């Protein structure tokens, strides 16, 4: 099983090339098996990338990527979106973009 650190590193690496879909987050965290433990892991990983300010959630809009306001509500909103999609986003749901801090960490990981 992949560790949370490895999942975060993979999300950051993916973010170097493009915004990261909710589907990618769920797939990496659950390895295709949506269980209570996998759901908990997904939320734990999201909380980590949010609290360490590595990635910002948002929606794709006409102007590109629209960050969600109010960082203190990101995890609850993420969980609500996942529940609404029955934990199978399949291209739906929010996206994540790297912050400057996330970009720097992704580059450091890539160099090691």
Protein backbone atom coordinates (compact mmCIF):
# COMPACT_ATOMS: atom_id res chain seq x y z
CA UNK A 1 0.00 0.00 0.00
CA UNK A 2 1.20 3.47 -0.86
CA UNK A 3 1.81 5.84 2.06
CA UNK A 4 0.11 9.21 2.52
CA UNK A 5 3.48 10.87 1.84
CA UNK A 6 3.69 9.06 -1.50
CA UNK A 7 0.14 10.07 -2.41
CA UNK A 8 0.86 13.72 -1.59
CA UNK A 9 4.09 13.54 -3.62
CA UNK A 10 2.18 12.07 -6.58
CA UNK A 11 -0.50 14.77 -6.37
CA UNK A 12 2.16 17.47 -6.29
CA UNK A 13 4.00 15.91 -9.25
CA UNK A 14 0.73 15.74 -11.20
CA UNK A 15 0.09 19.38 -10.35
CA UNK A 16 3.29 20.41 -12.12
CA UNK A 17 1.71 19.59 -15.46
CA UNK A 18 -1.92 20.56 -14.95
CA UNK A 19 -4.67 20.97 -12.40
CA UNK A 20 -5.44 17.77 -10.52
CA UNK A 21 -8.93 16.28 -10.77
CA UNK A 22 -10.91 14.97 -7.84
CA UNK A 23 -11.01 11.65 -9.66
CA UNK A 24 -7.19 11.44 -9.49
CA UNK A 25 -7.22 12.20 -5.76
CA UNK A 26 -9.80 9.51 -5.06
CA UNK A 27 -8.04 6.96 -7.25
CA UNK A 28 -4.65 7.49 -5.60
CA UNK A 29 -6.08 7.41 -2.08
CA UNK A 30 -8.43 4.46 -2.51
CA UNK A 31 -6.56 2.42 -5.12
CA UNK A 32 -9.97 1.74 -6.63
CA UNK A 33 -11.65 0.36 -3.48
CA UNK A 34 -14.09 2.80 -1.87
CA UNK A 35 -14.11 1.64 1.76
CA UNK A 36 -14.56 3.57 5.01
CA UNK A 37 -10.79 3.38 5.57
CA UNK A 38 -10.11 4.66 2.03
CA UNK A 39 -12.59 7.51 2.48
CA UNK A 40 -10.88 8.49 5.71
CA UNK A 41 -7.52 8.41 3.97
CA UNK A 42 -8.79 10.60 1.14
CA UNK A 43 -10.03 13.22 3.59
CA UNK A 44 -6.78 13.00 5.56
CA UNK A 45 -4.71 13.62 2.39
CA UNK A 46 -6.95 16.53 1.36
CA UNK A 47 -6.67 18.02 4.84
CA UNK A 48 -2.90 17.76 4.61
CA UNK A 49 -2.54 19.47 1.23
CA UNK A 50 -4.94 22.19 2.44
CA UNK A 51 -3.43 22.75 5.90
CA UNK A 52 0.13 22.79 4.55
CA UNK A 53 -1.12 25.15 1.82
CA UNK A 54 0.28 22.94 -0.94
CA UNK A 55 -2.86 22.87 -3.07
CA UNK A 56 -6.03 24.93 -3.34
CA UNK A 57 -9.40 23.48 -4.35
CA UNK A 58 -11.52 25.21 -6.94
CA UNK A 59 -13.82 24.92 -9.88
CA UNK A 60 -13.16 25.28 -13.57
CA UNK A 61 -14.89 28.38 -14.86
CA UNK A 62 -14.89 30.68 -17.84
CA UNK A 63 -11.80 32.47 -16.56
CA UNK A 64 -9.92 29.23 -15.84
CA UNK A 65 -9.42 28.05 -12.29
CA UNK A 66 -11.61 29.69 -9.64
CA UNK A 67 -10.26 29.15 -6.11
CA UNK A 68 -12.75 28.31 -3.41
CA UNK A 69 -13.04 31.07 -0.80
CA UNK A 70 -12.68 30.50 2.97
CA UNK A 71 -9.89 27.95 3.50
CA UNK A 72 -11.37 26.92 6.86
CA UNK A 73 -14.35 25.34 5.04
CA UNK A 74 -12.47 23.50 2.30
CA UNK A 75 -12.44 20.06 3.91
CA UNK A 76 -16.16 20.07 4.76
CA UNK A 77 -17.00 21.26 1.26
CA UNK A 78 -14.73 18.59 -0.24
CA UNK A 79 -16.42 15.86 1.77
CA UNK A 80 -19.86 17.13 0.78
CA UNK A 81 -18.84 17.08 -2.89
CA UNK A 82 -17.49 13.54 -2.55
CA UNK A 83 -20.68 12.37 -0.84
CA UNK A 84 -22.81 14.05 -3.50
CA UNK A 85 -20.86 12.10 -6.14
CA UNK A 86 -21.06 8.87 -4.10
CA UNK A 87 -17.23 8.91 -3.97
CA UNK A 88 -17.07 8.22 -7.71
CA UNK A 89 -16.27 11.59 -9.30
CA UNK A 90 -15.55 10.18 -12.79
CA UNK A 91 -14.53 13.62 -14.09
CA UNK A 92 -16.99 15.59 -11.96
CA UNK A 93 -16.29 17.54 -8.81
CA UNK A 94 -13.70 20.09 -7.85
CA UNK A 95 -10.08 20.38 -8.96
CA UNK A 96 -6.83 21.20 -7.17
CA UNK A 97 -4.08 23.57 -8.20
CA UNK A 98 -0.61 23.95 -6.75
CA UNK A 99 0.17 26.93 -4.57
CA UNK A 100 3.61 28.52 -4.75
CA UNK A 101 4.59 26.42 -1.72
CA UNK A 102 3.25 23.29 -3.43
CA UNK A 103 5.15 24.14 -6.60
CA UNK A 104 8.40 24.53 -4.68
CA UNK A 105 7.90 21.24 -2.83
CA UNK A 106 6.98 19.41 -6.05
CA UNK A 107 10.19 20.65 -7.66
CA UNK A 108 12.26 19.59 -4.65
CA UNK A 109 10.68 16.12 -4.72
CA UNK A 110 11.42 15.87 -8.43
CA UNK A 111 15.09 16.67 -7.84
CA UNK A 112 15.57 14.03 -5.15
